[in-house]
Amino acid sequence: MIEELRIAAAYAQKVRIKLQTGEVVEGKAQLSGNPNRAKVRTDDGPLWISYNEIKIVERLIKLN
């Protein structure tokens, strides 16, 4: 899961993250300096998500 977020951040890919609560967050993954939280830039601004809250990470890639 953490590795998927790092790969998505390295390639400036969008991600869809499903949280333990059932909420879904979608945005562009960014490198995080915090070892306990992921950083995702959503339409509403940056969002920090604790790794403990994340259930599923999906990378959204464009196929040409």
PDB file of N, CA and C in Angstrom:
ATOM      1  N   MET A   1       0.824  -1.185   0.000  1.00  0.00           N
ATOM      2  CA  MET A   1       0.000   0.000   0.000  1.00  0.00           C
ATOM      3  C   MET A   1       0.873   1.256   0.000  1.00  0.00           C
ATOM      4  N   ILE A   2       1.804   1.350   0.906  1.00  0.00           N
ATOM      5  CA  ILE A   2       2.684   2.513   0.964  1.00  0.00           C
ATOM      6  C   ILE A   2       3.531   2.591  -0.304  1.00  0.00           C
ATOM      7  N   GLU A   3       3.973   1.438  -0.777  1.00  0.00           N
ATOM      8  CA  GLU A   3       4.786   1.412  -1.993  1.00  0.00           C
ATOM      9  C   GLU A   3       3.978   1.910  -3.204  1.00  0.00           C
ATOM     10  N   GLU A   4       2.696   1.547  -3.270  1.00  0.00           N
ATOM     11  CA  GLU A   4       1.841   2.020  -4.361  1.00  0.00           C
ATOM     12  C   GLU A   4       1.725   3.540  -4.337  1.00  0.00           C
ATOM     13  N   LEU A   5       1.619   4.114  -3.158  1.00  0.00           N
ATOM     14  CA  LEU A   5       1.548   5.573  -3.037  1.00  0.00           C
ATOM     15  C   LEU A   5       2.862   6.218  -3.475  1.00  0.00           C
ATOM     16  N   ARG A   6       3.986   5.615  -3.131  1.00  0.00           N
ATOM     17  CA  ARG A   6       5.287   6.152  -3.545  1.00  0.00           C
ATOM     18  C   ARG A   6       5.460   6.090  -5.061  1.00  0.00           C
ATOM     19  N   ILE A   7       5.038   4.993  -5.660  1.00  0.00           N
ATOM     20  CA  ILE A   7       5.123   4.864  -7.120  1.00  0.00           C
ATOM     21  C   ILE A   7       4.236   5.911  -7.791  1.00  0.00           C
ATOM     22  N   ALA A   8       3.013   6.061  -7.294  1.00  0.00           N
ATOM     23  CA  ALA A   8       2.088   7.046  -7.861  1.00  0.00           C
ATOM     24  C   ALA A   8       2.644   8.458  -7.734  1.00  0.00           C
ATOM     25  N   ALA A   9       3.268   8.774  -6.615  1.00  0.00           N
ATOM     26  CA  ALA A   9       3.855  10.101  -6.420  1.00  0.00           C
ATOM     27  C   ALA A   9       5.028  10.320  -7.364  1.00  0.00           C
ATOM     28  N   ALA A  10       5.847   9.306  -7.556  1.00  0.00           N
ATOM     29  CA  ALA A  10       7.012   9.428  -8.432  1.00  0.00           C
ATOM     30  C   ALA A  10       6.607   9.690  -9.880  1.00  0.00           C
ATOM     31  N   TYR A  11       5.477   9.130 -10.309  1.00  0.00           N
ATOM     32  CA  TYR A  11       5.015   9.296 -11.686  1.00  0.00           C
ATOM     33  C   TYR A  11       3.880  10.314 -11.807  1.00  0.00           C
ATOM     34  N   ALA A  12       3.620  11.062 -10.744  1.00  0.00           N
ATOM     35  CA  ALA A  12       2.567  12.094 -10.718  1.00  0.00           C
ATOM     36  C   ALA A  12       1.220  11.519 -11.160  1.00  0.00           C
ATOM     37  N   GLN A  13       0.874  10.353 -10.612  1.00  0.00           N
ATOM     38  CA  GLN A  13      -0.374   9.681 -10.956  1.00  0.00           C
ATOM     39  C   GLN A  13      -1.453  10.010  -9.925  1.00  0.00           C
ATOM     40  N   LYS A  14      -2.694   9.893 -10.381  1.00  0.00           N
ATOM     41  CA  LYS A  14      -3.822  10.044  -9.471  1.00  0.00           C
ATOM     42  C   LYS A  14      -4.038   8.720  -8.744  1.00  0.00           C
ATOM     43  N   VAL A  15      -4.605   8.823  -7.550  1.00  0.00           N
ATOM     44  CA  VAL A  15      -4.937   7.637  -6.766  1.00  0.00           C
ATOM     45  C   VAL A  15      -6.352   7.738  -6.242  1.00  0.00           C
ATOM     46  N   ARG A  16      -6.931   6.593  -5.994  1.00  0.00           N
ATOM     47  CA  ARG A  16      -8.224   6.505  -5.317  1.00  0.00           C
ATOM     48  C   ARG A  16      -7.961   5.692  -4.064  1.00  0.00           C
ATOM     49  N   ILE A  17      -8.238   6.296  -2.914  1.00  0.00           N
ATOM     50  CA  ILE A  17      -7.955   5.664  -1.634  1.00  0.00           C
ATOM     51  C   ILE A  17      -9.272   5.413  -0.907  1.00  0.00           C
ATOM     52  N   LYS A  18      -9.500   4.138  -0.548  1.00  0.00           N
ATOM     53  CA  LYS A  18     -10.676   3.795   0.242  1.00  0.00           C
ATOM     54  C   LYS A  18     -10.226   3.688   1.691  1.00  0.00           C
ATOM     55  N   LEU A  19     -10.914   4.428   2.560  1.00  0.00           N
ATOM     56  CA  LEU A  19     -10.564   4.457   3.973  1.00  0.00           C
ATOM     57  C   LEU A  19     -11.332   3.382   4.740  1.00  0.00           C
ATOM     58  N   GLN A  20     -10.883   3.093   5.953  1.00  0.00           N
ATOM     59  CA  GLN A  20     -11.542   2.104   6.809  1.00  0.00           C
ATOM     60  C   GLN A  20     -13.004   2.473   7.065  1.00  0.00           C
ATOM     61  N   THR A  21     -13.324   3.769   7.029  1.00  0.00           N
ATOM     62  CA  THR A  21     -14.690   4.242   7.270  1.00  0.00           C
ATOM     63  C   THR A  21     -15.601   4.055   6.071  1.00  0.00           C
ATOM     64  N   GLY A  22     -15.020   3.699   4.904  1.00  0.00           N
ATOM     65  CA  GLY A  22     -15.794   3.551   3.681  1.00  0.00           C
ATOM     66  C   GLY A  22     -15.709   4.765   2.777  1.00  0.00           C
ATOM     67  N   GLU A  23     -15.187   5.864   3.292  1.00  0.00           N
ATOM     68  CA  GLU A  23     -15.023   7.079   2.498  1.00  0.00           C
ATOM     69  C   GLU A  23     -13.980   6.849   1.416  1.00  0.00           C
ATOM     70  N   VAL A  24     -14.178   7.476   0.259  1.00  0.00           N
ATOM     71  CA  VAL A  24     -13.237   7.369  -0.853  1.00  0.00           C
ATOM     72  C   VAL A  24     -12.650   8.745  -1.132  1.00  0.00           C
ATOM     73  N   VAL A  25     -11.317   8.806  -1.230  1.00  0.00           N
ATOM     74  CA  VAL A  25     -10.598  10.048  -1.519  1.00  0.00           C
ATOM     75  C   VAL A  25      -9.881   9.860  -2.844  1.00  0.00           C
ATOM     76  N   GLU A  26     -10.001  10.854  -3.733  1.00  0.00           N
ATOM     77  CA  GLU A  26      -9.335  10.782  -5.027  1.00  0.00           C
ATOM     78  C   GLU A  26      -8.521  12.047  -5.245  1.00  0.00           C
ATOM     79  N   GLY A  27      -7.295  11.878  -5.710  1.00  0.00           N
ATOM     80  CA  GLY A  27      -6.429  13.017  -5.965  1.00  0.00           C
ATOM     81  C   GLY A  27      -5.064  12.558  -6.427  1.00  0.00           C
ATOM     82  N   LYS A  28      -4.157  13.507  -6.548  1.00  0.00           N
ATOM     83  CA  LYS A  28      -2.806  13.205  -7.010  1.00  0.00           C
ATOM     84  C   LYS A  28      -1.913  12.925  -5.806  1.00  0.00           C
ATOM     85  N   ALA A  29      -1.247  11.778  -5.827  1.00  0.00           N
ATOM     86  CA  ALA A  29      -0.349  11.407  -4.734  1.00  0.00           C
ATOM     87  C   ALA A  29       0.890  12.294  -4.756  1.00  0.00           C
ATOM     88  N   GLN A  30       1.356  12.665  -3.579  1.00  0.00           N
ATOM     89  CA  GLN A  30       2.571  13.465  -3.459  1.00  0.00           C
ATOM     90  C   GLN A  30       3.479  12.819  -2.427  1.00  0.00           C
ATOM     91  N   LEU A  31       4.778  13.052  -2.573  1.00  0.00           N
ATOM     92  CA  LEU A  31       5.721  12.515  -1.607  1.00  0.00           C
ATOM     93  C   LEU A  31       5.493  13.163  -0.250  1.00  0.00           C
ATOM     94  N   SER A  32       5.518  12.355   0.780  1.00  0.00           N
ATOM     95  CA  SER A  32       5.263  12.823   2.129  1.00  0.00           C
ATOM     96  C   SER A  32       6.531  12.726   2.956  1.00  0.00           C
ATOM     97  N   GLY A  33       6.830  13.768   3.695  1.00  0.00           N
ATOM     98  CA  GLY A  33       7.977  13.741   4.584  1.00  0.00           C
ATOM     99  C   GLY A  33       7.646  13.096   5.916  1.00  0.00           C
ATOM    100  N   ASN A  34       6.370  12.830   6.147  1.00  0.00           N
ATOM    101  CA  ASN A  34       5.920  12.230   7.392  1.00  0.00           C
ATOM    102  C   ASN A  34       5.861  10.708   7.216  1.00  0.00           C
ATOM    103  N   PRO A  35       6.543   9.930   8.061  1.00  0.00           N
ATOM    104  CA  PRO A  35       6.549   8.475   7.902  1.00  0.00           C
ATOM    105  C   PRO A  35       5.233   7.795   8.279  1.00  0.00           C
ATOM    106  N   ASN A  36       4.291   8.521   8.856  1.00  0.00           N
ATOM    107  CA  ASN A  36       3.032   7.920   9.304  1.00  0.00           C
ATOM    108  C   ASN A  36       1.815   8.319   8.488  1.00  0.00           C
ATOM    109  N   ARG A  37       1.994   9.268   7.556  1.00  0.00           N
ATOM    110  CA  ARG A  37       0.846   9.766   6.801  1.00  0.00           C
ATOM    111  C   ARG A  37       1.171   9.917   5.321  1.00  0.00           C
ATOM    112  N   ALA A  38       0.143   9.725   4.499  1.00  0.00           N
ATOM    113  CA  ALA A  38       0.241   9.938   3.059  1.00  0.00           C
ATOM    114  C   ALA A  38      -0.285  11.327   2.743  1.00  0.00           C
ATOM    115  N   LYS A  39       0.247  11.930   1.683  1.00  0.00           N
ATOM    116  CA  LYS A  39      -0.224  13.246   1.247  1.00  0.00           C
ATOM    117  C   LYS A  39      -0.872  13.093  -0.123  1.00  0.00           C
ATOM    118  N   VAL A  40      -2.088  13.604  -0.242  1.00  0.00           N
ATOM    119  CA  VAL A  40      -2.836  13.548  -1.496  1.00  0.00           C
ATOM    120  C   VAL A  40      -3.363  14.939  -1.788  1.00  0.00           C
ATOM    121  N   ARG A  41      -3.109  15.436  -3.004  1.00  0.00           N
ATOM    122  CA  ARG A  41      -3.631  16.738  -3.400  1.00  0.00           C
ATOM    123  C   ARG A  41      -4.969  16.510  -4.095  1.00  0.00           C
ATOM    124  N   THR A  42      -6.040  16.939  -3.416  1.00  0.00           N
ATOM    125  CA  THR A  42      -7.393  16.806  -3.953  1.00  0.00           C
ATOM    126  C   THR A  42      -7.811  18.134  -4.587  1.00  0.00           C
ATOM    127  N   ASP A  43      -9.002  18.178  -5.139  1.00  0.00           N
ATOM    128  CA  ASP A  43      -9.532  19.418  -5.716  1.00  0.00           C
ATOM    129  C   ASP A  43      -9.708  20.492  -4.635  1.00  0.00           C
ATOM    130  N   ASP A  44      -9.897  20.054  -3.393  1.00  0.00           N
ATOM    131  CA  ASP A  44     -10.098  20.983  -2.276  1.00  0.00           C
ATOM    132  C   ASP A  44      -8.801  21.392  -1.596  1.00  0.00           C
ATOM    133  N   GLY A  45      -7.675  20.855  -2.042  1.00  0.00           N
ATOM    134  CA  GLY A  45      -6.386  21.170  -1.439  1.00  0.00           C
ATOM    135  C   GLY A  45      -5.696  19.917  -0.921  1.00  0.00           C
ATOM    136  N   PRO A  46      -4.541  20.091  -0.284  1.00  0.00           N
ATOM    137  CA  PRO A  46      -3.798  18.922   0.201  1.00  0.00           C
ATOM    138  C   PRO A  46      -4.512  18.256   1.383  1.00  0.00           C
ATOM    139  N   LEU A  47      -4.383  16.939   1.430  1.00  0.00           N
ATOM    140  CA  LEU A  47      -5.007  16.148   2.486  1.00  0.00           C
ATOM    141  C   LEU A  47      -3.978  15.154   3.009  1.00  0.00           C
ATOM    142  N   TRP A  48      -3.817  15.096   4.317  1.00  0.00           N
ATOM    143  CA  TRP A  48      -2.913  14.149   4.960  1.00  0.00           C
ATOM    144  C   TRP A  48      -3.756  13.007   5.512  1.00  0.00           C
ATOM    145  N   ILE A  49      -3.392  11.772   5.159  1.00  0.00           N
ATOM    146  CA  ILE A  49      -4.147  10.599   5.593  1.00  0.00           C
ATOM    147  C   ILE A  49      -3.210   9.649   6.330  1.00  0.00           C
ATOM    148  N   SER A  50      -3.598   9.261   7.535  1.00  0.00           N
ATOM    149  CA  SER A  50      -2.808   8.302   8.297  1.00  0.00           C
ATOM    150  C   SER A  50      -2.833   6.945   7.589  1.00  0.00           C
ATOM    151  N   TYR A  51      -1.685   6.279   7.538  1.00  0.00           N
ATOM    152  CA  TYR A  51      -1.623   4.961   6.897  1.00  0.00           C
ATOM    153  C   TYR A  51      -2.554   3.964   7.583  1.00  0.00           C
ATOM    154  N   ASN A  52      -2.815   4.138   8.869  1.00  0.00           N
ATOM    155  CA  ASN A  52      -3.709   3.239   9.607  1.00  0.00           C
ATOM    156  C   ASN A  52      -5.149   3.354   9.130  1.00  0.00           C
ATOM    157  N   GLU A  53      -5.517   4.494   8.551  1.00  0.00           N
ATOM    158  CA  GLU A  53      -6.885   4.718   8.086  1.00  0.00           C
ATOM    159  C   GLU A  53      -7.129   4.162   6.685  1.00  0.00           C
ATOM    160  N   ILE A  54      -6.065   3.832   5.951  1.00  0.00           N
ATOM    161  CA  ILE A  54      -6.189   3.411   4.556  1.00  0.00           C
ATOM    162  C   ILE A  54      -6.475   1.917   4.466  1.00  0.00           C
ATOM    163  N   LYS A  55      -7.504   1.585   3.673  1.00  0.00           N
ATOM    164  CA  LYS A  55      -7.871   0.190   3.449  1.00  0.00           C
ATOM    165  C   LYS A  55      -7.360  -0.294   2.094  1.00  0.00           C
ATOM    166  N   ILE A  56      -7.596   0.503   1.034  1.00  0.00           N
ATOM    167  CA  ILE A  56      -7.214   0.127  -0.333  1.00  0.00           C
ATOM    168  C   ILE A  56      -6.653   1.341  -1.060  1.00  0.00           C
ATOM    169  N   VAL A  57      -5.593   1.125  -1.862  1.00  0.00           N
ATOM    170  CA  VAL A  57      -5.025   2.175  -2.714  1.00  0.00           C
ATOM    171  C   VAL A  57      -5.088   1.687  -4.149  1.00  0.00           C
ATOM    172  N   GLU A  58      -5.671   2.495  -5.029  1.00  0.00           N
ATOM    173  CA  GLU A  58      -5.714   2.197  -6.456  1.00  0.00           C
ATOM    174  C   GLU A  58      -5.039   3.314  -7.213  1.00  0.00           C
ATOM    175  N   ARG A  59      -4.088   2.976  -8.087  1.00  0.00           N
ATOM    176  CA  ARG A  59      -3.469   3.989  -8.934  1.00  0.00           C
ATOM    177  C   ARG A  59      -4.309   4.120 -10.192  1.00  0.00           C
ATOM    178  N   LEU A  60      -4.588   5.366 -10.579  1.00  0.00           N
ATOM    179  CA  LEU A  60      -5.365   5.651 -11.785  1.00  0.00           C
ATOM    180  C   LEU A  60      -4.411   6.109 -12.873  1.00  0.00           C
ATOM    181  N   ILE A  61      -4.257   5.321 -13.906  1.00  0.00           N
ATOM    182  CA  ILE A  61      -3.300   5.656 -14.960  1.00  0.00           C
ATOM    183  C   ILE A  61      -4.026   5.810 -16.282  1.00  0.00           C
ATOM    184  N   LYS A  62      -3.478   6.661 -17.144  1.00  0.00           N
ATOM    185  CA  LYS A  62      -4.045   6.876 -18.465  1.00  0.00           C
ATOM    186  C   LYS A  62      -3.349   5.944 -19.451  1.00  0.00           C
ATOM    187  N   LEU A  63      -4.126   5.290 -20.277  1.00  0.00           N
ATOM    188  CA  LEU A  63      -3.591   4.442 -21.330  1.00  0.00           C
ATOM    189  C   LEU A  63      -3.802   5.154 -22.668  1.00  0.00           C
ATOM    190  N   ASN A  64      -2.738   5.365 -23.393  1.00  0.00           N
ATOM    191  CA  ASN A  64      -2.839   6.059 -24.685  1.00  0.00           C
ATOM    192  C   ASN A  64      -2.899   5.079 -25.817  1.00  0.00           C
TER     193      ASN A  64
END
